[in-house]
PDB file of N, CA and C in Angstrom:
ATOM      1  N   MET A   1      26.696 -61.661  21.755  1.00  0.00           N
ATOM      2  CA  MET A   1      25.528 -60.879  22.109  1.00  0.00           C
ATOM      3  C   MET A   1      26.018 -59.581  22.752  1.00  0.00           C
ATOM      4  N   CYS A   2      25.303 -58.524  22.526  1.00  0.00           N
ATOM      5  CA  CYS A   2      25.694 -57.215  23.037  1.00  0.00           C
ATOM      6  C   CYS A   2      24.810 -56.865  24.231  1.00  0.00           C
ATOM      7  N   HIS A   3      25.419 -56.574  25.346  1.00  0.00           N
ATOM      8  CA  HIS A   3      24.669 -56.227  26.558  1.00  0.00           C
ATOM      9  C   HIS A   3      25.195 -54.905  27.110  1.00  0.00           C
ATOM     10  N   GLY A   4      24.310 -54.107  27.673  1.00  0.00           N
ATOM     11  CA  GLY A   4      24.719 -52.856  28.315  1.00  0.00           C
ATOM     12  C   GLY A   4      24.997 -51.762  27.298  1.00  0.00           C
ATOM     13  N   GLN A   5      25.293 -50.573  27.815  1.00  0.00           N
ATOM     14  CA  GLN A   5      25.566 -49.428  26.962  1.00  0.00           C
ATOM     15  C   GLN A   5      27.065 -49.258  26.779  1.00  0.00           C
ATOM     16  N   SER A   6      27.498 -49.230  25.550  1.00  0.00           N
ATOM     17  CA  SER A   6      28.898 -48.996  25.247  1.00  0.00           C
ATOM     18  C   SER A   6      29.156 -47.497  25.173  1.00  0.00           C
ATOM     19  N   GLN A   7      30.412 -47.142  25.151  1.00  0.00           N
ATOM     20  CA  GLN A   7      30.803 -45.744  24.987  1.00  0.00           C
ATOM     21  C   GLN A   7      30.291 -45.212  23.650  1.00  0.00           C
ATOM     22  N   ALA A   8      30.369 -46.034  22.612  1.00  0.00           N
ATOM     23  CA  ALA A   8      29.895 -45.618  21.290  1.00  0.00           C
ATOM     24  C   ALA A   8      28.407 -45.278  21.317  1.00  0.00           C
ATOM     25  N   LEU A   9      27.613 -46.094  22.002  1.00  0.00           N
ATOM     26  CA  LEU A   9      26.184 -45.835  22.098  1.00  0.00           C
ATOM     27  C   LEU A   9      25.913 -44.538  22.853  1.00  0.00           C
ATOM     28  N   ARG A  10      26.646 -44.289  23.911  1.00  0.00           N
ATOM     29  CA  ARG A  10      26.470 -43.037  24.673  1.00  0.00           C
ATOM     30  C   ARG A  10      26.802 -41.823  23.813  1.00  0.00           C
ATOM     31  N   GLU A  11      27.829 -41.935  22.984  1.00  0.00           N
ATOM     32  CA  GLU A  11      28.199 -40.828  22.102  1.00  0.00           C
ATOM     33  C   GLU A  11      27.115 -40.571  21.060  1.00  0.00           C
ATOM     34  N   VAL A  12      26.550 -41.632  20.507  1.00  0.00           N
ATOM     35  CA  VAL A  12      25.462 -41.485  19.535  1.00  0.00           C
ATOM     36  C   VAL A  12      24.259 -40.817  20.203  1.00  0.00           C
ATOM     37  N   GLN A  13      23.918 -41.244  21.385  1.00  0.00           N
ATOM     38  CA  GLN A  13      22.784 -40.655  22.104  1.00  0.00           C
ATOM     39  C   GLN A  13      23.023 -39.172  22.383  1.00  0.00           C
ATOM     40  N   ARG A  14      24.244 -38.809  22.734  1.00  0.00           N
ATOM     41  CA  ARG A  14      24.576 -37.408  23.007  1.00  0.00           C
ATOM     42  C   ARG A  14      24.401 -36.576  21.730  1.00  0.00           C
ATOM     43  N   CYS A  15      24.818 -37.115  20.592  1.00  0.00           N
ATOM     44  CA  CYS A  15      24.654 -36.405  19.322  1.00  0.00           C
ATOM     45  C   CYS A  15      23.183 -36.256  18.961  1.00  0.00           C
ATOM     46  N   ILE A  16      22.422 -37.315  19.142  1.00  0.00           N
ATOM     47  CA  ILE A  16      20.994 -37.263  18.820  1.00  0.00           C
ATOM     48  C   ILE A  16      20.290 -36.212  19.678  1.00  0.00           C
ATOM     49  N   ARG A  17      20.606 -36.182  20.965  1.00  0.00           N
ATOM     50  CA  ARG A  17      20.003 -35.170  21.838  1.00  0.00           C
ATOM     51  C   ARG A  17      20.383 -33.761  21.394  1.00  0.00           C
ATOM     52  N   ALA A  18      21.633 -33.587  20.989  1.00  0.00           N
ATOM     53  CA  ALA A  18      22.099 -32.260  20.575  1.00  0.00           C
ATOM     54  C   ALA A  18      21.469 -31.820  19.259  1.00  0.00           C
ATOM     55  N   LEU A  19      21.138 -32.764  18.399  1.00  0.00           N
ATOM     56  CA  LEU A  19      20.644 -32.420  17.063  1.00  0.00           C
ATOM     57  C   LEU A  19      19.120 -32.480  16.925  1.00  0.00           C
ATOM     58  N   HIS A  20      18.413 -32.666  18.021  1.00  0.00           N
ATOM     59  CA  HIS A  20      16.954 -32.804  17.936  1.00  0.00           C
ATOM     60  C   HIS A  20      16.246 -31.495  17.603  1.00  0.00           C
ATOM     61  N   CYS A  21      16.926 -30.394  17.756  1.00  0.00           N
ATOM     62  CA  CYS A  21      16.300 -29.076  17.651  1.00  0.00           C
ATOM     63  C   CYS A  21      16.652 -28.393  16.320  1.00  0.00           C
ATOM     64  N   PRO A  22      15.664 -27.916  15.568  1.00  0.00           N
ATOM     65  CA  PRO A  22      15.932 -27.242  14.293  1.00  0.00           C
ATOM     66  C   PRO A  22      16.838 -26.016  14.434  1.00  0.00           C
ATOM     67  N   THR A  23      16.765 -25.317  15.552  1.00  0.00           N
ATOM     68  CA  THR A  23      17.629 -24.150  15.765  1.00  0.00           C
ATOM     69  C   THR A  23      19.095 -24.566  15.730  1.00  0.00           C
ATOM     70  N   ARG A  24      19.412 -25.708  16.278  1.00  0.00           N
ATOM     71  CA  ARG A  24      20.798 -26.178  16.303  1.00  0.00           C
ATOM     72  C   ARG A  24      21.282 -26.524  14.899  1.00  0.00           C
ATOM     73  N   TRP A  25      20.404 -27.045  14.061  1.00  0.00           N
ATOM     74  CA  TRP A  25      20.774 -27.303  12.671  1.00  0.00           C
ATOM     75  C   TRP A  25      21.056 -25.981  11.957  1.00  0.00           C
ATOM     76  N   ARG A  26      20.279 -24.959  12.258  1.00  0.00           N
ATOM     77  CA  ARG A  26      20.500 -23.635  11.662  1.00  0.00           C
ATOM     78  C   ARG A  26      21.843 -23.063  12.111  1.00  0.00           C
ATOM     79  N   ILE A  27      22.196 -23.274  13.366  1.00  0.00           N
ATOM     80  CA  ILE A  27      23.482 -22.805  13.886  1.00  0.00           C
ATOM     81  C   ILE A  27      24.623 -23.497  13.150  1.00  0.00           C
ATOM     82  N   ILE A  28      24.531 -24.800  12.975  1.00  0.00           N
ATOM     83  CA  ILE A  28      25.560 -25.567  12.269  1.00  0.00           C
ATOM     84  C   ILE A  28      25.718 -25.042  10.842  1.00  0.00           C
ATOM     85  N   GLN A  29      24.605 -24.825  10.148  1.00  0.00           N
ATOM     86  CA  GLN A  29      24.653 -24.303   8.787  1.00  0.00           C
ATOM     87  C   GLN A  29      25.262 -22.904   8.755  1.00  0.00           C
ATOM     88  N   CYS A  30      24.968 -22.091   9.750  1.00  0.00           N
ATOM     89  CA  CYS A  30      25.499 -20.733   9.823  1.00  0.00           C
ATOM     90  C   CYS A  30      27.020 -20.752   9.987  1.00  0.00           C
ATOM     91  N   ILE A  31      27.509 -21.605  10.851  1.00  0.00           N
ATOM     92  CA  ILE A  31      28.957 -21.686  11.073  1.00  0.00           C
ATOM     93  C   ILE A  31      29.629 -22.253   9.830  1.00  0.00           C
ATOM     94  N   GLY A  32      29.075 -23.324   9.286  1.00  0.00           N
ATOM     95  CA  GLY A  32      29.612 -23.931   8.066  1.00  0.00           C
ATOM     96  C   GLY A  32      31.087 -24.247   8.180  1.00  0.00           C
ATOM     97  N   ALA A  33      31.832 -23.919   7.147  1.00  0.00           N
ATOM     98  CA  ALA A  33      33.266 -24.198   7.106  1.00  0.00           C
ATOM     99  C   ALA A  33      34.088 -23.036   7.653  1.00  0.00           C
ATOM    100  N   GLU A  34      33.422 -22.041   8.194  1.00  0.00           N
ATOM    101  CA  GLU A  34      34.106 -20.846   8.695  1.00  0.00           C
ATOM    102  C   GLU A  34      34.085 -20.809  10.216  1.00  0.00           C
ATOM    103  N   GLU A  35      34.541 -19.710  10.760  1.00  0.00           N
ATOM    104  CA  GLU A  35      34.457 -19.442  12.192  1.00  0.00           C
ATOM    105  C   GLU A  35      33.546 -18.241  12.368  1.00  0.00           C
ATOM    106  N   ARG A  36      32.677 -18.321  13.365  1.00  0.00           N
ATOM    107  CA  ARG A  36      31.733 -17.227  13.613  1.00  0.00           C
ATOM    108  C   ARG A  36      31.653 -16.949  15.106  1.00  0.00           C
ATOM    109  N   SER A  37      31.568 -15.678  15.433  1.00  0.00           N
ATOM    110  CA  SER A  37      31.390 -15.302  16.841  1.00  0.00           C
ATOM    111  C   SER A  37      29.937 -15.532  17.239  1.00  0.00           C
ATOM    112  N   THR A  38      29.719 -15.592  18.523  1.00  0.00           N
ATOM    113  CA  THR A  38      28.352 -15.775  19.027  1.00  0.00           C
ATOM    114  C   THR A  38      27.446 -14.664  18.499  1.00  0.00           C
ATOM    115  N   ARG A  39      27.920 -13.458  18.525  1.00  0.00           N
ATOM    116  CA  ARG A  39      27.130 -12.309  18.057  1.00  0.00           C
ATOM    117  C   ARG A  39      26.840 -12.440  16.560  1.00  0.00           C
ATOM    118  N   GLU A  40      27.818 -12.868  15.767  1.00  0.00           N
ATOM    119  CA  GLU A  40      27.606 -13.039  14.325  1.00  0.00           C
ATOM    120  C   GLU A  40      26.539 -14.101  14.057  1.00  0.00           C
ATOM    121  N   ILE A  41      26.581 -15.195  14.785  1.00  0.00           N
ATOM    122  CA  ILE A  41      25.570 -16.252  14.629  1.00  0.00           C
ATOM    123  C   ILE A  41      24.195 -15.697  14.973  1.00  0.00           C
ATOM    124  N   PHE A  42      24.122 -15.011  16.096  1.00  0.00           N
ATOM    125  CA  PHE A  42      22.859 -14.439  16.571  1.00  0.00           C
ATOM    126  C   PHE A  42      22.265 -13.486  15.535  1.00  0.00           C
ATOM    127  N   GLU A  43      23.100 -12.599  15.014  1.00  0.00           N
ATOM    128  CA  GLU A  43      22.613 -11.607  14.050  1.00  0.00           C
ATOM    129  C   GLU A  43      22.297 -12.224  12.692  1.00  0.00           C
ATOM    130  N   GLU A  44      23.150 -13.124  12.211  1.00  0.00           N
ATOM    131  CA  GLU A  44      22.935 -13.729  10.892  1.00  0.00           C
ATOM    132  C   GLU A  44      21.656 -14.561  10.852  1.00  0.00           C
ATOM    133  N   LEU A  45      21.375 -15.262  11.935  1.00  0.00           N
ATOM    134  CA  LEU A  45      20.174 -16.096  11.977  1.00  0.00           C
ATOM    135  C   LEU A  45      18.932 -15.310  12.371  1.00  0.00           C
ATOM    136  N   GLY A  46      19.112 -14.061  12.777  1.00  0.00           N
ATOM    137  CA  GLY A  46      17.968 -13.249  13.170  1.00  0.00           C
ATOM    138  C   GLY A  46      17.201 -13.874  14.323  1.00  0.00           C
ATOM    139  N   LEU A  47      17.937 -14.341  15.331  1.00  0.00           N
ATOM    140  CA  LEU A  47      17.313 -15.090  16.423  1.00  0.00           C
ATOM    141  C   LEU A  47      16.645 -14.216  17.477  1.00  0.00           C
ATOM    142  N   GLY A  48      16.815 -12.907  17.388  1.00  0.00           N
ATOM    143  CA  GLY A  48      16.286 -12.006  18.405  1.00  0.00           C
ATOM    144  C   GLY A  48      14.810 -12.177  18.715  1.00  0.00           C
ATOM    145  N   GLU A  49      14.017 -12.550  17.725  1.00  0.00           N
ATOM    146  CA  GLU A  49      12.590 -12.732  17.949  1.00  0.00           C
ATOM    147  C   GLU A  49      12.267 -14.118  18.487  1.00  0.00           C
ATOM    148  N   GLU A  50      13.166 -15.098  18.245  1.00  0.00           N
ATOM    149  CA  GLU A  50      12.924 -16.473  18.673  1.00  0.00           C
ATOM    150  C   GLU A  50      13.523 -16.780  20.049  1.00  0.00           C
ATOM    151  N   ILE A  51      14.804 -16.448  20.198  1.00  0.00           N
ATOM    152  CA  ILE A  51      15.496 -16.741  21.449  1.00  0.00           C
ATOM    153  C   ILE A  51      16.420 -15.585  21.806  1.00  0.00           C
ATOM    154  N   SER A  52      16.820 -15.539  23.056  1.00  0.00           N
ATOM    155  CA  SER A  52      17.743 -14.509  23.522  1.00  0.00           C
ATOM    156  C   SER A  52      19.175 -14.942  23.241  1.00  0.00           C
ATOM    157  N   LEU A  53      20.113 -14.051  23.486  1.00  0.00           N
ATOM    158  CA  LEU A  53      21.522 -14.391  23.352  1.00  0.00           C
ATOM    159  C   LEU A  53      21.881 -15.508  24.334  1.00  0.00           C
ATOM    160  N   ALA A  54      21.306 -15.471  25.525  1.00  0.00           N
ATOM    161  CA  ALA A  54      21.525 -16.547  26.505  1.00  0.00           C
ATOM    162  C   ALA A  54      20.982 -17.877  25.971  1.00  0.00           C
ATOM    163  N   GLY A  55      19.875 -17.835  25.265  1.00  0.00           N
ATOM    164  CA  GLY A  55      19.321 -19.042  24.656  1.00  0.00           C
ATOM    165  C   GLY A  55      20.243 -19.603  23.591  1.00  0.00           C
ATOM    166  N   LEU A  56      20.887 -18.718  22.828  1.00  0.00           N
ATOM    167  CA  LEU A  56      21.849 -19.164  21.822  1.00  0.00           C
ATOM    168  C   LEU A  56      23.024 -19.860  22.500  1.00  0.00           C
ATOM    169  N   TYR A  57      23.511 -19.287  23.598  1.00  0.00           N
ATOM    170  CA  TYR A  57      24.600 -19.933  24.342  1.00  0.00           C
ATOM    171  C   TYR A  57      24.183 -21.324  24.824  1.00  0.00           C
ATOM    172  N   TYR A  58      22.940 -21.483  25.208  1.00  0.00           N
ATOM    173  CA  TYR A  58      22.430 -22.792  25.631  1.00  0.00           C
ATOM    174  C   TYR A  58      22.551 -23.804  24.495  1.00  0.00           C
ATOM    175  N   HIS A  59      22.132 -23.407  23.303  1.00  0.00           N
ATOM    176  CA  HIS A  59      22.198 -24.297  22.144  1.00  0.00           C
ATOM    177  C   HIS A  59      23.653 -24.593  21.757  1.00  0.00           C
ATOM    178  N   LEU A  60      24.498 -23.577  21.781  1.00  0.00           N
ATOM    179  CA  LEU A  60      25.910 -23.782  21.459  1.00  0.00           C
ATOM    180  C   LEU A  60      26.567 -24.716  22.474  1.00  0.00           C
ATOM    181  N   SER A  61      26.190 -24.574  23.729  1.00  0.00           N
ATOM    182  CA  SER A  61      26.729 -25.447  24.776  1.00  0.00           C
ATOM    183  C   SER A  61      26.343 -26.904  24.534  1.00  0.00           C
ATOM    184  N   ALA A  62      25.108 -27.143  24.120  1.00  0.00           N
ATOM    185  CA  ALA A  62      24.656 -28.505  23.827  1.00  0.00           C
ATOM    186  C   ALA A  62      25.424 -29.082  22.645  1.00  0.00           C
ATOM    187  N   LEU A  63      25.638 -28.273  21.619  1.00  0.00           N
ATOM    188  CA  LEU A  63      26.407 -28.727  20.465  1.00  0.00           C
ATOM    189  C   LEU A  63      27.866 -28.981  20.833  1.00  0.00           C
ATOM    190  N   LYS A  64      28.395 -28.137  21.697  1.00  0.00           N
ATOM    191  CA  LYS A  64      29.777 -28.327  22.163  1.00  0.00           C
ATOM    192  C   LYS A  64      29.891 -29.610  22.983  1.00  0.00           C
ATOM    193  N   GLY A  65      28.943 -29.858  23.869  1.00  0.00           N
ATOM    194  CA  GLY A  65      28.949 -31.057  24.697  1.00  0.00           C
ATOM    195  C   GLY A  65      28.885 -32.335  23.894  1.00  0.00           C
ATOM    196  N   ALA A  66      28.291 -32.264  22.705  1.00  0.00           N
ATOM    197  CA  ALA A  66      28.193 -33.432  21.825  1.00  0.00           C
ATOM    198  C   ALA A  66      29.404 -33.545  20.904  1.00  0.00           C
ATOM    199  N   GLY A  67      30.328 -32.587  21.006  1.00  0.00           N
ATOM    200  CA  GLY A  67      31.521 -32.640  20.172  1.00  0.00           C
ATOM    201  C   GLY A  67      31.297 -32.180  18.748  1.00  0.00           C
ATOM    202  N   ILE A  68      30.235 -31.412  18.519  1.00  0.00           N
ATOM    203  CA  ILE A  68      29.902 -30.965  17.170  1.00  0.00           C
ATOM    204  C   ILE A  68      30.535 -29.611  16.858  1.00  0.00           C
ATOM    205  N   VAL A  69      30.563 -28.708  17.827  1.00  0.00           N
ATOM    206  CA  VAL A  69      31.232 -27.419  17.674  1.00  0.00           C
ATOM    207  C   VAL A  69      32.265 -27.261  18.787  1.00  0.00           C
ATOM    208  N   GLU A  70      33.162 -26.302  18.590  1.00  0.00           N
ATOM    209  CA  GLU A  70      34.153 -25.997  19.613  1.00  0.00           C
ATOM    210  C   GLU A  70      34.484 -24.515  19.553  1.00  0.00           C
ATOM    211  N   VAL A  71      35.056 -24.021  20.627  1.00  0.00           N
ATOM    212  CA  VAL A  71      35.502 -22.634  20.660  1.00  0.00           C
ATOM    213  C   VAL A  71      36.850 -22.588  19.941  1.00  0.00           C
ATOM    214  N   ALA A  72      36.916 -21.796  18.872  1.00  0.00           N
ATOM    215  CA  ALA A  72      38.140 -21.677  18.083  1.00  0.00           C
ATOM    216  C   ALA A  72      39.074 -20.638  18.685  1.00  0.00           C
ATOM    217  N   SER A  73      38.479 -19.567  19.213  1.00  0.00           N
ATOM    218  CA  SER A  73      39.273 -18.478  19.783  1.00  0.00           C
ATOM    219  C   SER A  73      38.342 -17.529  20.524  1.00  0.00           C
ATOM    220  N   TYR A  74      38.930 -16.467  21.016  1.00  0.00           N
ATOM    221  CA  TYR A  74      38.162 -15.406  21.648  1.00  0.00           C
ATOM    222  C   TYR A  74      38.493 -14.106  20.922  1.00  0.00           C
ATOM    223  N   ARG A  75      37.485 -13.271  20.774  1.00  0.00           N
ATOM    224  CA  ARG A  75      37.636 -12.003  20.078  1.00  0.00           C
ATOM    225  C   ARG A  75      37.163 -10.890  21.009  1.00  0.00           C
ATOM    226  N   GLU A  76      37.876  -9.785  21.006  1.00  0.00           N
ATOM    227  CA  GLU A  76      37.451  -8.637  21.815  1.00  0.00           C
ATOM    228  C   GLU A  76      36.175  -8.053  21.231  1.00  0.00           C
ATOM    229  N   SER A  77      35.213  -7.793  22.099  1.00  0.00           N
ATOM    230  CA  SER A  77      33.964  -7.180  21.648  1.00  0.00           C
ATOM    231  C   SER A  77      34.022  -5.690  21.911  1.00  0.00           C
ATOM    232  N   LYS A  78      33.016  -4.981  21.446  1.00  0.00           N
ATOM    233  CA  LYS A  78      32.965  -3.528  21.652  1.00  0.00           C
ATOM    234  C   LYS A  78      32.902  -3.172  23.128  1.00  0.00           C
ATOM    235  N   ALA A  79      32.289  -4.051  23.922  1.00  0.00           N
ATOM    236  CA  ALA A  79      32.170  -3.804  25.357  1.00  0.00           C
ATOM    237  C   ALA A  79      33.463  -4.153  26.096  1.00  0.00           C
ATOM    238  N   GLY A  80      34.441  -4.722  25.380  1.00  0.00           N
ATOM    239  CA  GLY A  80      35.704  -5.081  25.999  1.00  0.00           C
ATOM    240  C   GLY A  80      35.741  -6.480  26.578  1.00  0.00           C
ATOM    241  N   THR A  81      34.611  -7.151  26.543  1.00  0.00           N
ATOM    242  CA  THR A  81      34.525  -8.518  27.051  1.00  0.00           C
ATOM    243  C   THR A  81      34.866  -9.484  25.920  1.00  0.00           C
ATOM    244  N   PRO A  82      35.730 -10.469  26.182  1.00  0.00           N
ATOM    245  CA  PRO A  82      36.040 -11.430  25.115  1.00  0.00           C
ATOM    246  C   PRO A  82      34.784 -12.188  24.670  1.00  0.00           C
ATOM    247  N   GLU A  83      34.652 -12.362  23.365  1.00  0.00           N
ATOM    248  CA  GLU A  83      33.514 -13.070  22.790  1.00  0.00           C
ATOM    249  C   GLU A  83      34.014 -14.373  22.174  1.00  0.00           C
ATOM    250  N   LYS A  84      33.274 -15.450  22.360  1.00  0.00           N
ATOM    251  CA  LYS A  84      33.662 -16.738  21.808  1.00  0.00           C
ATOM    252  C   LYS A  84      33.468 -16.755  20.295  1.00  0.00           C
ATOM    253  N   VAL A  85      34.439 -17.376  19.626  1.00  0.00           N
ATOM    254  CA  VAL A  85      34.364 -17.599  18.187  1.00  0.00           C
ATOM    255  C   VAL A  85      34.282 -19.114  18.000  1.00  0.00           C
ATOM    256  N   TRP A  86      33.268 -19.560  17.276  1.00  0.00           N
ATOM    257  CA  TRP A  86      32.951 -20.980  17.148  1.00  0.00           C
ATOM    258  C   TRP A  86      33.327 -21.526  15.780  1.00  0.00           C
ATOM    259  N   ARG A  87      33.615 -22.827  15.745  1.00  0.00           N
ATOM    260  CA  ARG A  87      33.808 -23.547  14.485  1.00  0.00           C
ATOM    261  C   ARG A  87      33.282 -24.963  14.661  1.00  0.00           C
ATOM    262  N   LEU A  88      33.006 -25.612  13.538  1.00  0.00           N
ATOM    263  CA  LEU A  88      32.585 -27.010  13.602  1.00  0.00           C
ATOM    264  C   LEU A  88      33.783 -27.857  14.012  1.00  0.00           C
ATOM    265  N   LYS A  89      33.557 -28.755  14.932  1.00  0.00           N
ATOM    266  CA  LYS A  89      34.598 -29.687  15.347  1.00  0.00           C
ATOM    267  C   LYS A  89      34.548 -30.937  14.478  1.00  0.00           C
ATOM    268  N   THR A  90      33.367 -31.268  14.041  1.00  0.00           N
ATOM    269  CA  THR A  90      33.185 -32.412  13.160  1.00  0.00           C
ATOM    270  C   THR A  90      32.147 -32.070  12.111  1.00  0.00           C
ATOM    271  N   ARG A  91      32.355 -32.575  10.922  1.00  0.00           N
ATOM    272  CA  ARG A  91      31.393 -32.353   9.836  1.00  0.00           C
ATOM    273  C   ARG A  91      30.585 -33.593   9.546  1.00  0.00           C
ATOM    274  N   ARG A  92      31.018 -34.706  10.071  1.00  0.00           N
ATOM    275  CA  ARG A  92      30.367 -35.969   9.758  1.00  0.00           C
ATOM    276  C   ARG A  92      30.267 -36.814  11.021  1.00  0.00           C
ATOM    277  N   ILE A  93      29.124 -37.442  11.197  1.00  0.00           N
ATOM    278  CA  ILE A  93      28.911 -38.356  12.312  1.00  0.00           C
ATOM    279  C   ILE A  93      28.658 -39.733  11.707  1.00  0.00           C
ATOM    280  N   VAL A  94      29.488 -40.692  12.076  1.00  0.00           N
ATOM    281  CA  VAL A  94      29.389 -42.044  11.547  1.00  0.00           C
ATOM    282  C   VAL A  94      28.974 -42.967  12.680  1.00  0.00           C
ATOM    283  N   ILE A  95      28.001 -43.800  12.416  1.00  0.00           N
ATOM    284  CA  ILE A  95      27.507 -44.731  13.427  1.00  0.00           C
ATOM    285  C   ILE A  95      27.774 -46.157  12.957  1.00  0.00           C
ATOM    286  N   ASP A  96      28.564 -46.872  13.709  1.00  0.00           N
ATOM    287  CA  ASP A  96      28.808 -48.281  13.440  1.00  0.00           C
ATOM    288  C   ASP A  96      27.828 -49.064  14.305  1.00  0.00           C
ATOM    289  N   LEU A  97      26.810 -49.618  13.700  1.00  0.00           N
ATOM    290  CA  LEU A  97      25.745 -50.284  14.447  1.00  0.00           C
ATOM    291  C   LEU A  97      26.210 -51.546  15.159  1.00  0.00           C
ATOM    292  N   LEU A  98      27.336 -52.107  14.767  1.00  0.00           N
ATOM    293  CA  LEU A  98      27.799 -53.342  15.371  1.00  0.00           C
ATOM    294  C   LEU A  98      29.068 -53.166  16.223  1.00  0.00           C
ATOM    295  N   GLU A  99      29.500 -51.930  16.412  1.00  0.00           N
ATOM    296  CA  GLU A  99      30.680 -51.696  17.244  1.00  0.00           C
ATOM    297  C   GLU A  99      30.434 -52.209  18.655  1.00  0.00           C
ATOM    298  N   ASP A 100      31.422 -52.828  19.226  1.00  0.00           N
ATOM    299  CA  ASP A 100      31.398 -53.361  20.595  1.00  0.00           C
ATOM    300  C   ASP A 100      30.417 -54.513  20.776  1.00  0.00           C
ATOM    301  N   CYS A 101      29.894 -55.085  19.700  1.00  0.00           N
ATOM    302  CA  CYS A 101      28.974 -56.212  19.816  1.00  0.00           C
ATOM    303  C   CYS A 101      29.567 -57.432  19.132  1.00  0.00           C
ATOM    304  N   GLU A 102      29.367 -58.553  19.748  1.00  0.00           N
ATOM    305  CA  GLU A 102      29.788 -59.813  19.150  1.00  0.00           C
ATOM    306  C   GLU A 102      28.645 -60.291  18.263  1.00  0.00           C
ATOM    307  N   VAL A 103      28.933 -60.471  16.976  1.00  0.00           N
ATOM    308  CA  VAL A 103      27.902 -60.910  16.038  1.00  0.00           C
ATOM    309  C   VAL A 103      27.957 -62.432  15.926  1.00  0.00           C
ATOM    310  N   LYS A 104      26.806 -63.075  16.090  1.00  0.00           N
ATOM    311  CA  LYS A 104      26.735 -64.540  15.995  1.00  0.00           C
ATOM    312  C   LYS A 104      25.795 -64.935  14.898  1.00  0.00           C
TER     313      LYS A 104
END
């Protein structure tokens, strides 16, 4: 019998929370198999009318916390401030429904 929350269950819950928002799915599709800077994501998705650049960082942070995206590098911006360049950390999420449970 399986009792309590396993590490696997916590990871699944973190992914579900990160992926609940359609904007985050759009970000994932935008990054795809390439690397994109925060500014490139913002401009390509035309998010200016929906969310601010700070809002985009919020979504990227949630995806990063779930292990879905990661910072690949930093790029110098026109203002001289380093800009984060993002890539997908994982392309597939696999859920083993019986992991850590004794099946009887």
